[in-house]
Amino acid sequence: MMERSRGGWSSLCTQYSPLAAGSIDGTDDYPHDHGIIRAMEAKYKPNKAVIGNPETTIFVSRLNPRTTEDTLTKTFSRFGEIKRLRLVRDIVTGFSKCYAFIEYYDRTSAEDAHMDAYRLVVDDKEIFVDFEVERTMKGWVPRRLGGGFGGKKESGQLRFGGRDRPFRKPIEVAMGERDNRHDSKFGRYRYNDRPEVRRRDTDRDHRANRPSHRERDRWPDQRRRSQKYERDRSETR
């Protein structure tokens, strides 16, 4: 379930942190949107009324509003025997909220569904499948309180560390390359003394002193005009 690399780094959350989930590499030290602040201040506890084994339960979302329990049963029973299926519906209208929870009798069936049903097309919609995390991940805060994973790019409140948007590996900078000066405005170190940065600065200064492409394009015409002027002067003498 976890994707680990050397050194213990993981692209997926093992313990939920709203601050880390709001960062593309999980290293932010301050919240950048109000949703993260809401999630950090939330006192969320898992619903004790939920029944079933969370280790054999998968979460299915991005369903077509027309998708029914029968369709889900037919689609996910191919991975193993289903013990319990709940398509979440609006308590007033009865319309589907486009996500569901499916519990299997064994862990192997849940793992097969997690692997093979991810991005499966059901009723012309590509669905999202993951393990249930509400009861298995410490510190979990749902999306409605500013936490969760994923999110839409247009909202500007993306959450990372989940299957849909895993963390990107942080850029590791050796301590010897770190400049001792500290930028108090942003709370970050500057790296202007690194050799590659100095090279970029030198190249930028060199480019700034070069003539623009328009000026270079005018050079041949200027030479021709000056040569013609010199010839005319010599002929009139």
C-alpha atoms as a PDB file:
ATOM      1  CA  MET A   1       0.000   0.000   0.000  1.00  0.00           C
ATOM      2  CA  MET A   2       2.935   2.297   0.677  1.00  0.00           C
ATOM      3  CA  GLU A   3       5.494   3.370  -1.891  1.00  0.00           C
ATOM      4  CA  ARG A   4       8.826   3.770  -0.109  1.00  0.00           C
ATOM      5  CA  SER A   5      12.245   4.720  -1.338  1.00  0.00           C
ATOM      6  CA  ARG A   6      15.626   4.539   0.345  1.00  0.00           C
ATOM      7  CA  GLY A   7      15.899   6.609   3.462  1.00  0.00           C
ATOM      8  CA  GLY A   8      12.307   5.960   4.557  1.00  0.00           C
ATOM      9  CA  TRP A   9      10.716   8.638   2.352  1.00  0.00           C
ATOM     10  CA  SER A  10       7.150   7.827   1.236  1.00  0.00           C
ATOM     11  CA  SER A  11       5.120   9.362  -1.564  1.00  0.00           C
ATOM     12  CA  LEU A  12       1.926   8.536   0.373  1.00  0.00           C
ATOM     13  CA  CYS A  13       0.794   9.695   3.795  1.00  0.00           C
ATOM     14  CA  THR A  14       1.290   7.234   6.633  1.00  0.00           C
ATOM     15  CA  GLN A  15      -0.029   9.640   9.275  1.00  0.00           C
ATOM     16  CA  TYR A  16      -2.291  12.498   8.255  1.00  0.00           C
ATOM     17  CA  SER A  17      -1.152  16.082   8.706  1.00  0.00           C
ATOM     18  CA  PRO A  18      -3.226  18.903   7.135  1.00  0.00           C
ATOM     19  CA  LEU A  19      -0.121  21.073   6.887  1.00  0.00           C
ATOM     20  CA  ALA A  20       1.877  18.384   5.091  1.00  0.00           C
ATOM     21  CA  ALA A  21      -1.054  17.426   2.855  1.00  0.00           C
ATOM     22  CA  GLY A  22      -1.271  21.017   1.663  1.00  0.00           C
ATOM     23  CA  SER A  23       2.305  20.854   0.384  1.00  0.00           C
ATOM     24  CA  ILE A  24       3.410  19.256  -2.871  1.00  0.00           C
ATOM     25  CA  ASP A  25       6.364  17.603  -1.122  1.00  0.00           C
ATOM     26  CA  GLY A  26       5.002  17.518   2.434  1.00  0.00           C
ATOM     27  CA  THR A  27       7.550  20.009   3.779  1.00  0.00           C
ATOM     28  CA  ASP A  28       5.514  23.209   4.268  1.00  0.00           C
ATOM     29  CA  ASP A  29       5.973  24.886   7.642  1.00  0.00           C
ATOM     30  CA  TYR A  30       3.065  27.347   7.367  1.00  0.00           C
ATOM     31  CA  PRO A  31      -0.510  27.056   5.939  1.00  0.00           C
ATOM     32  CA  HIS A  32      -1.061  28.699   2.571  1.00  0.00           C
ATOM     33  CA  ASP A  33      -4.882  28.598   2.444  1.00  0.00           C
ATOM     34  CA  HIS A  34      -7.783  28.882   4.875  1.00  0.00           C
ATOM     35  CA  GLY A  35      -8.810  25.275   4.318  1.00  0.00           C
ATOM     36  CA  ILE A  36      -5.578  24.044   5.900  1.00  0.00           C
ATOM     37  CA  ILE A  37      -6.144  26.304   8.904  1.00  0.00           C
ATOM     38  CA  ARG A  38      -9.672  24.905   9.282  1.00  0.00           C
ATOM     39  CA  ALA A  39      -8.344  21.353   9.113  1.00  0.00           C
ATOM     40  CA  MET A  40      -5.604  22.078  11.664  1.00  0.00           C
ATOM     41  CA  GLU A  41      -8.162  23.502  14.081  1.00  0.00           C
ATOM     42  CA  ALA A  42     -10.736  20.738  13.497  1.00  0.00           C
ATOM     43  CA  LYS A  43     -11.416  18.244  16.278  1.00  0.00           C
ATOM     44  CA  TYR A  44     -12.559  15.394  14.080  1.00  0.00           C
ATOM     45  CA  LYS A  45     -13.303  11.913  15.359  1.00  0.00           C
ATOM     46  CA  PRO A  46     -14.295   8.942  13.174  1.00  0.00           C
ATOM     47  CA  ASN A  47     -17.962   8.054  13.139  1.00  0.00           C
ATOM     48  CA  LYS A  48     -18.447   5.284  15.694  1.00  0.00           C
ATOM     49  CA  ALA A  49     -21.671   4.225  13.989  1.00  0.00           C
ATOM     50  CA  VAL A  50     -19.726   2.941  10.964  1.00  0.00           C
ATOM     51  CA  ILE A  51     -19.587  -0.836  10.964  1.00  0.00           C
ATOM     52  CA  GLY A  52     -17.397  -3.307   9.141  1.00  0.00           C
ATOM     53  CA  ASN A  53     -13.713  -4.079   8.918  1.00  0.00           C
ATOM     54  CA  PRO A  54     -11.745  -1.030   7.661  1.00  0.00           C
ATOM     55  CA  GLU A  55      -8.878  -3.290   6.549  1.00  0.00           C
ATOM     56  CA  THR A  56     -11.107  -4.963   3.942  1.00  0.00           C
ATOM     57  CA  THR A  57     -13.093  -1.862   2.931  1.00  0.00           C
ATOM     58  CA  ILE A  58     -12.408   0.236  -0.159  1.00  0.00           C
ATOM     59  CA  PHE A  59     -13.582   3.739  -0.967  1.00  0.00           C
ATOM     60  CA  VAL A  60     -15.004   4.409  -4.445  1.00  0.00           C
ATOM     61  CA  SER A  61     -15.662   7.944  -5.700  1.00  0.00           C
ATOM     62  CA  ARG A  62     -16.265  10.031  -8.849  1.00  0.00           C
ATOM     63  CA  LEU A  63     -19.200   7.846  -9.733  1.00  0.00           C
ATOM     64  CA  ASN A  64     -21.762   8.734 -12.328  1.00  0.00           C
ATOM     65  CA  PRO A  65     -24.906  10.054 -10.558  1.00  0.00           C
ATOM     66  CA  ARG A  66     -26.845   7.373 -12.458  1.00  0.00           C
ATOM     67  CA  THR A  67     -24.700   4.543 -11.077  1.00  0.00           C
ATOM     68  CA  THR A  68     -26.719   2.292  -8.750  1.00  0.00           C
ATOM     69  CA  GLU A  69     -25.954  -0.321  -6.119  1.00  0.00           C
ATOM     70  CA  ASP A  70     -26.649  -3.075  -8.645  1.00  0.00           C
ATOM     71  CA  THR A  71     -24.078  -1.665 -11.051  1.00  0.00           C
ATOM     72  CA  LEU A  72     -21.464  -1.424  -8.308  1.00  0.00           C
ATOM     73  CA  THR A  73     -22.178  -4.959  -7.137  1.00  0.00           C
ATOM     74  CA  LYS A  74     -21.804  -6.296 -10.667  1.00  0.00           C
ATOM     75  CA  THR A  75     -18.575  -4.347 -11.215  1.00  0.00           C
ATOM     76  CA  PHE A  76     -16.785  -5.106  -7.941  1.00  0.00           C
ATOM     77  CA  SER A  77     -17.954  -8.668  -7.311  1.00  0.00           C
ATOM     78  CA  ARG A  78     -15.433  -9.807  -9.926  1.00  0.00           C
ATOM     79  CA  PHE A  79     -12.660  -9.155  -7.404  1.00  0.00           C
ATOM     80  CA  GLY A  80     -14.182 -11.223  -4.602  1.00  0.00           C
ATOM     81  CA  GLU A  81     -17.282 -11.820  -2.538  1.00  0.00           C
ATOM     82  CA  ILE A  82     -18.789  -8.561  -1.271  1.00  0.00           C
ATOM     83  CA  LYS A  83     -19.849  -8.518   2.368  1.00  0.00           C
ATOM     84  CA  ARG A  84     -21.376  -5.045   2.497  1.00  0.00           C
ATOM     85  CA  LEU A  85     -21.897  -2.227  -0.025  1.00  0.00           C
ATOM     86  CA  ARG A  86     -23.103   1.295   0.752  1.00  0.00           C
ATOM     87  CA  LEU A  87     -23.712   3.900  -1.918  1.00  0.00           C
ATOM     88  CA  VAL A  88     -23.926   7.197  -0.032  1.00  0.00           C
ATOM     89  CA  ARG A  89     -27.099   9.111  -0.842  1.00  0.00           C
ATOM     90  CA  ASP A  90     -28.535  12.452   0.183  1.00  0.00           C
ATOM     91  CA  ILE A  91     -30.746  11.949   3.223  1.00  0.00           C
ATOM     92  CA  VAL A  92     -33.414  14.310   1.860  1.00  0.00           C
ATOM     93  CA  THR A  93     -33.465  13.809  -1.914  1.00  0.00           C
ATOM     94  CA  GLY A  94     -32.139  10.271  -2.055  1.00  0.00           C
ATOM     95  CA  PHE A  95     -29.828  11.228  -4.920  1.00  0.00           C
ATOM     96  CA  SER A  96     -26.390   9.639  -5.073  1.00  0.00           C
ATOM     97  CA  LYS A  97     -23.476  11.654  -3.692  1.00  0.00           C
ATOM     98  CA  CYS A  98     -21.257   9.808  -6.188  1.00  0.00           C
ATOM     99  CA  TYR A  99     -19.174   7.824  -3.710  1.00  0.00           C
ATOM    100  CA  ALA A 100     -19.510   4.462  -1.989  1.00  0.00           C
ATOM    101  CA  PHE A 101     -17.877   2.064   0.473  1.00  0.00           C
ATOM    102  CA  ILE A 102     -17.457  -1.611  -0.365  1.00  0.00           C
ATOM    103  CA  GLU A 103     -16.438  -4.197   2.225  1.00  0.00           C
ATOM    104  CA  TYR A 104     -15.078  -7.595   1.198  1.00  0.00           C
ATOM    105  CA  TYR A 105     -14.799 -10.738   3.234  1.00  0.00           C
ATOM    106  CA  ASP A 106     -11.018 -10.893   2.898  1.00  0.00           C
ATOM    107  CA  ARG A 107      -8.088  -8.540   2.500  1.00  0.00           C
ATOM    108  CA  THR A 108      -6.920 -10.097  -0.771  1.00  0.00           C
ATOM    109  CA  SER A 109     -10.155  -9.190  -2.552  1.00  0.00           C
ATOM    110  CA  ALA A 110      -9.910  -5.603  -1.309  1.00  0.00           C
ATOM    111  CA  GLU A 111      -6.317  -5.364  -2.528  1.00  0.00           C
ATOM    112  CA  ASP A 112      -7.290  -6.742  -5.942  1.00  0.00           C
ATOM    113  CA  ALA A 113     -10.082  -4.184  -6.256  1.00  0.00           C
ATOM    114  CA  HIS A 114      -7.744  -1.427  -5.077  1.00  0.00           C
ATOM    115  CA  MET A 115      -5.233  -2.312  -7.775  1.00  0.00           C
ATOM    116  CA  ASP A 116      -7.417  -3.274 -10.755  1.00  0.00           C
ATOM    117  CA  ALA A 117     -10.487  -1.048 -10.362  1.00  0.00           C
ATOM    118  CA  TYR A 118      -8.525   2.197 -10.054  1.00  0.00           C
ATOM    119  CA  ARG A 119      -9.535   4.462 -12.969  1.00  0.00           C
ATOM    120  CA  LEU A 120     -11.951   1.851 -14.253  1.00  0.00           C
ATOM    121  CA  VAL A 121     -14.713   3.329 -16.417  1.00  0.00           C
ATOM    122  CA  VAL A 122     -18.192   2.706 -14.995  1.00  0.00           C
ATOM    123  CA  ASP A 123     -21.228   4.274 -16.682  1.00  0.00           C
ATOM    124  CA  ASP A 124     -18.922   6.460 -18.810  1.00  0.00           C
ATOM    125  CA  LYS A 125     -17.102   7.843 -15.731  1.00  0.00           C
ATOM    126  CA  GLU A 126     -13.541   7.088 -14.674  1.00  0.00           C
ATOM    127  CA  ILE A 127     -13.759   6.149 -11.020  1.00  0.00           C
ATOM    128  CA  PHE A 128     -11.307   6.587  -8.159  1.00  0.00           C
ATOM    129  CA  VAL A 129     -10.595   3.693  -5.774  1.00  0.00           C
ATOM    130  CA  ASP A 130      -8.592   3.687  -2.540  1.00  0.00           C
ATOM    131  CA  PHE A 131      -8.594   1.992   0.839  1.00  0.00           C
ATOM    132  CA  GLU A 132     -10.716   3.474   3.585  1.00  0.00           C
ATOM    133  CA  VAL A 133      -8.586   5.885   5.628  1.00  0.00           C
ATOM    134  CA  GLU A 134     -11.018   7.420   8.121  1.00  0.00           C
ATOM    135  CA  ARG A 135     -10.574   4.618  10.627  1.00  0.00           C
ATOM    136  CA  THR A 136      -7.076   3.491   9.652  1.00  0.00           C
ATOM    137  CA  MET A 137      -5.066   6.730   9.278  1.00  0.00           C
ATOM    138  CA  LYS A 138      -4.171   8.589  12.450  1.00  0.00           C
ATOM    139  CA  GLY A 139      -5.047  12.289  12.410  1.00  0.00           C
ATOM    140  CA  TRP A 140      -7.411  11.998   9.444  1.00  0.00           C
ATOM    141  CA  VAL A 141      -9.494  15.094   8.611  1.00  0.00           C
ATOM    142  CA  PRO A 142     -12.106  14.846   5.813  1.00  0.00           C
ATOM    143  CA  ARG A 143     -12.311  17.161   2.847  1.00  0.00           C
ATOM    144  CA  ARG A 144     -15.378  18.996   4.119  1.00  0.00           C
ATOM    145  CA  LEU A 145     -13.268  20.299   7.026  1.00  0.00           C
ATOM    146  CA  GLY A 146     -10.379  21.382   4.815  1.00  0.00           C
ATOM    147  CA  GLY A 147      -8.415  18.123   4.872  1.00  0.00           C
ATOM    148  CA  GLY A 148      -8.608  15.048   2.711  1.00  0.00           C
ATOM    149  CA  PHE A 149      -6.619  14.287  -0.410  1.00  0.00           C
ATOM    150  CA  GLY A 150      -6.828  15.402  -4.023  1.00  0.00           C
ATOM    151  CA  GLY A 151      -9.048  18.347  -4.858  1.00  0.00           C
ATOM    152  CA  LYS A 152      -9.620  20.375  -7.991  1.00  0.00           C
ATOM    153  CA  LYS A 153      -6.860  22.535  -9.417  1.00  0.00           C
ATOM    154  CA  GLU A 154      -9.279  25.391 -10.060  1.00  0.00           C
ATOM    155  CA  SER A 155     -10.069  25.741  -6.363  1.00  0.00           C
ATOM    156  CA  GLY A 156      -6.434  26.296  -5.428  1.00  0.00           C
ATOM    157  CA  GLN A 157      -6.816  23.935  -2.450  1.00  0.00           C
ATOM    158  CA  LEU A 158      -5.059  20.803  -3.636  1.00  0.00           C
ATOM    159  CA  ARG A 159      -4.152  18.141  -1.100  1.00  0.00           C
ATOM    160  CA  PHE A 160      -1.199  15.805  -1.590  1.00  0.00           C
ATOM    161  CA  GLY A 161      -0.019  12.535  -0.114  1.00  0.00           C
ATOM    162  CA  GLY A 162      -2.901  10.418  -1.426  1.00  0.00           C
ATOM    163  CA  ARG A 163      -3.109   8.025  -4.320  1.00  0.00           C
ATOM    164  CA  ASP A 164      -4.454  10.653  -6.683  1.00  0.00           C
ATOM    165  CA  ARG A 165      -1.775  13.252  -5.889  1.00  0.00           C
ATOM    166  CA  PRO A 166       1.232  11.624  -4.183  1.00  0.00           C
ATOM    167  CA  PHE A 167       4.019  13.677  -2.681  1.00  0.00           C
ATOM    168  CA  ARG A 168       6.935  14.665  -4.870  1.00  0.00           C
ATOM    169  CA  LYS A 169      10.329  13.922  -3.438  1.00  0.00           C
ATOM    170  CA  PRO A 170      11.792  17.001  -1.688  1.00  0.00           C
ATOM    171  CA  ILE A 171      14.946  18.562  -3.097  1.00  0.00           C
ATOM    172  CA  GLU A 172      17.693  17.752  -0.635  1.00  0.00           C
ATOM    173  CA  VAL A 173      20.295  20.465  -0.207  1.00  0.00           C
ATOM    174  CA  ALA A 174      23.575  19.667   1.522  1.00  0.00           C
ATOM    175  CA  MET A 175      24.175  21.688   4.653  1.00  0.00           C
ATOM    176  CA  GLY A 176      27.538  22.839   3.326  1.00  0.00           C
ATOM    177  CA  GLU A 177      25.852  24.557   0.368  1.00  0.00           C
ATOM    178  CA  ARG A 178      23.410  26.505   2.513  1.00  0.00           C
ATOM    179  CA  ASP A 179      23.953  30.235   2.810  1.00  0.00           C
ATOM    180  CA  ASN A 180      24.037  31.494   6.386  1.00  0.00           C
ATOM    181  CA  ARG A 181      21.946  34.521   5.545  1.00  0.00           C
ATOM    182  CA  HIS A 182      18.259  34.164   6.372  1.00  0.00           C
ATOM    183  CA  ASP A 183      15.373  35.810   4.586  1.00  0.00           C
ATOM    184  CA  SER A 184      13.075  36.874   7.440  1.00  0.00           C
ATOM    185  CA  LYS A 185      10.163  37.710   5.139  1.00  0.00           C
ATOM    186  CA  PHE A 186       9.676  34.169   3.877  1.00  0.00           C
ATOM    187  CA  GLY A 187      11.438  32.215   6.616  1.00  0.00           C
ATOM    188  CA  ARG A 188      13.680  30.423   4.104  1.00  0.00           C
ATOM    189  CA  TYR A 189      17.380  30.296   3.329  1.00  0.00           C
ATOM    190  CA  ARG A 190      18.800  31.806   0.192  1.00  0.00           C
ATOM    191  CA  TYR A 191      21.161  29.818  -2.003  1.00  0.00           C
ATOM    192  CA  ASN A 192      22.737  32.603  -4.066  1.00  0.00           C
ATOM    193  CA  ASP A 193      26.252  31.410  -3.237  1.00  0.00           C
ATOM    194  CA  ARG A 194      25.837  28.026  -4.858  1.00  0.00           C
ATOM    195  CA  PRO A 195      28.052  27.615  -7.975  1.00  0.00           C
ATOM    196  CA  GLU A 196      25.156  26.806 -10.295  1.00  0.00           C
ATOM    197  CA  VAL A 197      23.303  29.948  -9.161  1.00  0.00           C
ATOM    198  CA  ARG A 198      26.378  32.081  -9.760  1.00  0.00           C
ATOM    199  CA  ARG A 199      26.651  30.638 -13.256  1.00  0.00           C
ATOM    200  CA  ARG A 200      23.028  31.513 -13.960  1.00  0.00           C
ATOM    201  CA  ASP A 201      23.579  35.059 -12.668  1.00  0.00           C
ATOM    202  CA  THR A 202      26.661  35.473 -14.865  1.00  0.00           C
ATOM    203  CA  ASP A 203      24.793  34.182 -17.907  1.00  0.00           C
ATOM    204  CA  ARG A 204      21.910  36.515 -17.178  1.00  0.00           C
ATOM    205  CA  ASP A 205      24.249  39.527 -16.931  1.00  0.00           C
ATOM    206  CA  HIS A 206      25.947  38.508 -20.156  1.00  0.00           C
ATOM    207  CA  ARG A 207      22.607  38.224 -21.944  1.00  0.00           C
ATOM    208  CA  ALA A 208      21.568  41.617 -20.593  1.00  0.00           C
ATOM    209  CA  ASN A 209      24.632  43.269 -22.218  1.00  0.00           C
ATOM    210  CA  ARG A 210      24.024  41.686 -25.596  1.00  0.00           C
ATOM    211  CA  PRO A 211      21.982  43.599 -28.172  1.00  0.00           C
ATOM    212  CA  SER A 212      18.443  42.467 -28.782  1.00  0.00           C
ATOM    213  CA  HIS A 213      17.517  40.403 -31.825  1.00  0.00           C
ATOM    214  CA  ARG A 214      16.004  43.490 -33.433  1.00  0.00           C
ATOM    215  CA  GLU A 215      19.264  45.371 -33.061  1.00  0.00           C
ATOM    216  CA  ARG A 216      21.214  42.448 -34.499  1.00  0.00           C
ATOM    217  CA  ASP A 217      18.842  42.282 -37.456  1.00  0.00           C
ATOM    218  CA  ARG A 218      19.555  45.947 -38.208  1.00  0.00           C
ATOM    219  CA  TRP A 219      23.326  45.504 -38.348  1.00  0.00           C
ATOM    220  CA  PRO A 220      23.566  44.343 -42.018  1.00  0.00           C
ATOM    221  CA  ASP A 221      21.421  47.268 -43.180  1.00  0.00           C
ATOM    222  CA  GLN A 222      23.497  49.714 -41.199  1.00  0.00           C
ATOM    223  CA  ARG A 223      26.713  48.325 -42.666  1.00  0.00           C
ATOM    224  CA  ARG A 224      25.352  48.536 -46.171  1.00  0.00           C
ATOM    225  CA  ARG A 225      24.194  52.125 -45.678  1.00  0.00           C
ATOM    226  CA  SER A 226      27.540  53.167 -44.228  1.00  0.00           C
ATOM    227  CA  GLN A 227      29.420  51.485 -47.078  1.00  0.00           C
ATOM    228  CA  LYS A 228      27.224  53.229 -49.663  1.00  0.00           C
ATOM    229  CA  TYR A 229      27.755  56.542 -47.896  1.00  0.00           C
ATOM    230  CA  GLU A 230      31.543  56.109 -48.022  1.00  0.00           C
ATOM    231  CA  ARG A 231      31.413  55.256 -51.734  1.00  0.00           C
ATOM    232  CA  ASP A 232      29.290  58.303 -52.513  1.00  0.00           C
ATOM    233  CA  ARG A 233      31.675  60.538 -50.619  1.00  0.00           C
ATOM    234  CA  SER A 234      34.666  59.136 -52.428  1.00  0.00           C
ATOM    235  CA  GLU A 235      33.014  59.653 -55.832  1.00  0.00           C
ATOM    236  CA  THR A 236      32.198  63.293 -55.126  1.00  0.00           C
ATOM    237  CA  ARG A 237      35.729  64.163 -54.142  1.00  0.00           C
END
